[in-house]
Amino acid sequence: MNSSVRKSVYAGIAGLSLAGTVAGCAPSAQQPAAQESQSPESSATAAPGSSSTALASSGASYKDGTYKADGTYKSPNGTETVGVQLTLANGTVTAVEITEHPSNPNTRKFQGEFASGIAEQVVGKSLDEIKVSKVAGSSLTSGGFNQAVEEIKSQAL
């Protein structure tokens, strides 16, 4: 094989390798959703055969108190977890606290931004109304938050 053909073959292989690497690191088109596997803590308290979505749509009344749950979501770095604590009074959120569980600096940044902006979107709203999609530039963390809220709904019944 002559030198110019060999260089062309190597350049082609390098280009394909680069394209594969970029495609593998790119975020997927699918957004994380509540169908992701629940954390052991979440699945242990859910009633068998019940759906918190069905309970939420039934206009259920929630007990006052403070409730905690973890939610998981997928990021380009793998599965991430975010802790959520909600305080309820008459079915309305009166306080929210986020516990960050970052696995890397990028996750720390986005969970921090999410934590700093979530209160204005949920405090003062009925628990049944809460479903966030993007908070302070962080869209993936919302999937874990929403999952935790569903678990909190079942705890508060």
Foldseek 3Di string as FASTA:
>chain_A
DDDVVVVVVVVVVVVVVVVVVVVLLDDDPDAWALVPDFDPVLVVLDDPPDFLLVVLVVVDWFAFAKDKGKFWFQDSVGIAIKIWIFGDDRQATADIAIDGDDPDPVSVVLSVQQRVFVCVVGHGDGLSPDQDQATRRRGRVSRGVNNGSSSVSSVGD
